[in-house]
């Protein structure tokens, strides 16, 4: 078979766009209000600021003549495709997003979406994670997706519960030490 007829990325669709991360069967794309606002701000910045700048650069570069060796034109067209791909991705994700308000559980000791949970593992290592949506998870900041193994283990548990966390090499026991939710925001007066 010719290499010309094979997909370079098996997870890409026909436009070369990456497929959306899979949700659990019957699952929803939960997101915090902050996460939704962040994605929406990124989308609007791409549409209103970044894309018009790149379009102007590509237009200027195209007016200079020979496009085959024009770096501004070639890079600009590539950057424009990347921006358009990200705009399509963000649009799709925001369309299917279900905003879940974590502050509704303020004061609860049970773990739900949006909770910040402190737990200790069987090696006496204390960790704190915040359970957030797939599109806003950032492990470097202690944010884990609600479909991650640790979040699936923690969801619905309560302070003091000892849980079994299935890991690739072993099963660890973890104990929930604390659960926090953001305070309820007061309406403006």
Protein backbone atom coordinates (compact mmCIF):
# COMPACT_ATOMS: atom_id res chain seq x y z
CA UNK A 1 0.00 0.00 0.00
CA UNK A 2 1.25 3.47 -0.83
CA UNK A 3 2.20 5.66 2.10
CA UNK A 4 0.13 8.42 0.51
CA UNK A 5 -3.08 6.63 1.49
CA UNK A 6 -2.36 6.09 5.17
CA UNK A 7 -3.37 8.37 8.02
CA UNK A 8 -0.43 9.87 9.88
CA UNK A 9 -2.33 10.05 13.16
CA UNK A 10 -4.79 7.23 13.89
CA UNK A 11 -6.70 9.47 16.33
CA UNK A 12 -7.27 12.21 13.75
CA UNK A 13 -10.45 12.60 11.75
CA UNK A 14 -10.60 13.45 8.03
CA UNK A 15 -9.68 17.11 8.63
CA UNK A 16 -6.54 16.12 10.52
CA UNK A 17 -8.30 17.25 13.70
CA UNK A 18 -7.82 15.24 16.85
CA UNK A 19 -10.92 13.46 18.09
CA UNK A 20 -12.41 14.64 21.36
CA UNK A 21 -11.30 12.69 24.41
CA UNK A 22 -13.73 9.88 25.11
CA UNK A 23 -16.36 10.29 27.77
CA UNK A 24 -17.65 7.34 29.76
CA UNK A 25 -20.68 5.65 28.18
CA UNK A 26 -23.68 7.82 28.93
CA UNK A 27 -21.34 10.37 30.55
CA UNK A 28 -21.51 14.10 30.19
CA UNK A 29 -18.77 16.64 29.63
CA UNK A 30 -18.84 18.22 33.08
CA UNK A 31 -16.86 21.42 33.57
CA UNK A 32 -16.56 23.98 36.35
CA UNK A 33 -17.79 27.55 35.73
CA UNK A 34 -14.15 28.72 35.88
CA UNK A 35 -13.07 26.10 33.35
CA UNK A 36 -15.93 27.04 31.02
CA UNK A 37 -15.02 30.73 31.26
CA UNK A 38 -11.35 29.95 30.54
CA UNK A 39 -12.18 27.92 27.41
CA UNK A 40 -14.64 30.57 26.24
CA UNK A 41 -12.05 33.34 26.73
CA UNK A 42 -9.51 31.33 24.73
CA UNK A 43 -12.05 30.80 21.92
CA UNK A 44 -12.95 34.50 21.76
CA UNK A 45 -9.27 35.54 21.83
CA UNK A 46 -8.52 33.20 18.94
CA UNK A 47 -11.47 34.49 16.91
CA UNK A 48 -11.17 38.22 17.72
CA UNK A 49 -7.42 38.75 18.15
CA UNK A 50 -5.09 35.96 17.04
CA UNK A 51 -6.80 34.86 13.82
CA UNK A 52 -7.20 38.39 12.37
CA UNK A 53 -3.49 39.12 13.04
CA UNK A 54 -2.42 35.95 11.24
CA UNK A 55 -4.83 36.62 8.35
CA UNK A 56 -3.29 40.11 7.94
CA UNK A 57 0.23 38.61 7.96
CA UNK A 58 -0.70 35.98 5.37
CA UNK A 59 -2.39 38.63 3.20
CA UNK A 60 0.69 40.87 3.38
CA UNK A 61 3.04 37.93 2.65
CA UNK A 62 0.92 36.82 -0.32
CA UNK A 63 1.08 40.31 -1.79
CA UNK A 64 4.90 40.09 -1.85
CA UNK A 65 4.89 37.72 -4.80
CA UNK A 66 6.45 34.24 -4.88
CA UNK A 67 4.77 32.22 -2.13
CA UNK A 68 6.80 29.03 -2.56
CA UNK A 69 9.79 30.37 -0.60
CA UNK A 70 8.02 33.01 1.46
CA UNK A 71 8.48 32.00 5.12
CA UNK A 72 5.88 34.45 6.43
CA UNK A 73 3.29 33.05 4.03
CA UNK A 74 4.10 29.38 4.67
CA UNK A 75 4.28 29.77 8.46
CA UNK A 76 1.19 32.00 8.48
CA UNK A 77 -0.91 29.45 6.56
CA UNK A 78 0.26 26.69 8.91
CA UNK A 79 -0.55 28.82 11.98
CA UNK A 80 -3.96 29.66 10.50
CA UNK A 81 -4.77 25.93 10.16
CA UNK A 82 -3.72 25.38 13.79
CA UNK A 83 -5.91 28.26 14.98
CA UNK A 84 -8.90 27.04 12.94
CA UNK A 85 -8.45 23.50 14.31
CA UNK A 86 -8.37 24.83 17.89
CA UNK A 87 -11.45 27.00 17.25
CA UNK A 88 -13.38 23.95 15.97
CA UNK A 89 -12.24 21.90 18.98
CA UNK A 90 -13.22 24.58 21.53
CA UNK A 91 -16.56 25.19 19.82
CA UNK A 92 -17.44 21.49 19.95
CA UNK A 93 -16.35 21.16 23.59
CA UNK A 94 -18.28 24.22 24.72
CA UNK A 95 -21.42 23.02 22.88
CA UNK A 96 -21.49 19.75 24.84
CA UNK A 97 -20.25 21.16 28.16
CA UNK A 98 -22.41 20.75 31.26
CA UNK A 99 -21.50 23.38 33.82
CA UNK A 100 -21.49 21.89 37.32
CA UNK A 101 -21.35 24.32 40.23
CA UNK A 102 -19.08 22.87 42.98
CA UNK A 103 -20.15 25.49 45.54
CA UNK A 104 -23.56 23.76 45.78
CA UNK A 105 -21.82 21.13 47.92
CA UNK A 106 -20.12 23.69 50.20
CA UNK A 107 -19.78 22.23 53.69
CA UNK A 108 -20.35 18.62 52.57
CA UNK A 109 -17.97 15.84 53.60
CA UNK A 110 -18.91 13.72 50.58
CA UNK A 111 -16.83 13.96 47.41
CA UNK A 112 -18.52 15.23 44.25
CA UNK A 113 -17.34 16.98 41.08
CA UNK A 114 -15.35 20.12 41.89
CA UNK A 115 -14.16 18.97 45.31
CA UNK A 116 -10.65 19.56 46.56
CA UNK A 117 -9.67 16.35 48.34
CA UNK A 118 -6.75 15.65 50.64
CA UNK A 119 -5.89 11.98 51.09
CA UNK A 120 -3.04 9.88 52.40
CA UNK A 121 -1.78 6.73 50.69
CA UNK A 122 -0.39 3.54 52.22
CA UNK A 123 3.15 5.02 52.05
CA UNK A 124 2.01 7.93 54.30
CA UNK A 125 2.28 10.33 51.35
CA UNK A 126 -0.31 13.10 51.69
CA UNK A 127 -1.72 14.50 48.44
CA UNK A 128 -4.32 17.06 47.49
CA UNK A 129 -6.24 16.95 44.22
CA UNK A 130 -9.11 18.92 42.75
CA UNK A 131 -11.64 17.01 40.65
CA UNK A 132 -12.44 18.97 37.48
CA UNK A 133 -13.57 18.46 33.88
CA UNK A 134 -11.63 16.64 31.18
CA UNK A 135 -10.80 19.86 29.33
CA UNK A 136 -9.54 21.75 32.38
CA UNK A 137 -7.47 19.08 34.18
CA UNK A 138 -3.86 20.05 34.85
CA UNK A 139 -1.92 17.51 36.90
CA UNK A 140 0.93 19.99 37.52
CA UNK A 141 -1.57 22.08 39.51
CA UNK A 142 -3.12 19.10 41.28
CA UNK A 143 -6.21 19.09 39.06
CA UNK A 144 -7.45 15.68 37.89
CA UNK A 145 -10.17 14.81 35.42
CA UNK A 146 -13.36 13.39 36.90
CA UNK A 147 -12.85 10.26 34.76
CA UNK A 148 -9.28 9.63 35.99
CA UNK A 149 -8.66 6.56 38.16
CA UNK A 150 -8.02 8.60 41.32
CA UNK A 151 -11.17 10.69 40.82
CA UNK A 152 -13.30 7.61 40.08
CA UNK A 153 -12.02 6.06 43.30
CA UNK A 154 -12.69 9.21 45.34
CA UNK A 155 -16.12 10.20 43.99
CA UNK A 156 -18.98 9.63 46.46
CA UNK A 157 -16.56 8.76 49.29
CA UNK A 158 -16.57 10.69 52.57
CA UNK A 159 -13.98 11.98 55.02
CA UNK A 160 -12.49 9.03 56.89
CA UNK A 161 -13.24 6.44 54.20
CA UNK A 162 -10.45 4.01 53.30
CA UNK A 163 -10.50 3.21 49.57
CA UNK A 164 -8.69 0.85 47.22
CA UNK A 165 -6.99 2.62 44.32
CA UNK A 166 -6.26 0.31 41.39
CA UNK A 167 -2.88 1.14 39.90
CA UNK A 168 -1.06 -0.64 37.04
CA UNK A 169 1.53 -2.28 39.28
CA UNK A 170 -0.46 -2.67 42.51
CA UNK A 171 -3.52 -1.81 44.55
CA UNK A 172 -2.98 1.02 47.03
CA UNK A 173 -5.10 1.92 50.01
CA UNK A 174 -5.89 5.58 50.46
CA UNK A 175 -7.72 7.37 53.26
CA UNK A 176 -9.73 10.54 52.70
CA UNK A 177 -8.57 13.22 55.16
CA UNK A 178 -10.45 16.34 54.04
CA UNK A 179 -12.94 17.58 51.46
CA UNK A 180 -13.34 21.24 50.52
CA UNK A 181 -15.60 23.06 48.08
CA UNK A 182 -15.41 26.69 47.03
CA UNK A 183 -17.75 28.94 49.02
CA UNK A 184 -21.06 29.89 47.50
CA UNK A 185 -20.74 33.15 45.59
CA UNK A 186 -23.05 35.89 46.77
CA UNK A 187 -25.19 37.68 44.18
CA UNK A 188 -24.27 41.36 43.68
CA UNK A 189 -26.36 43.75 45.76
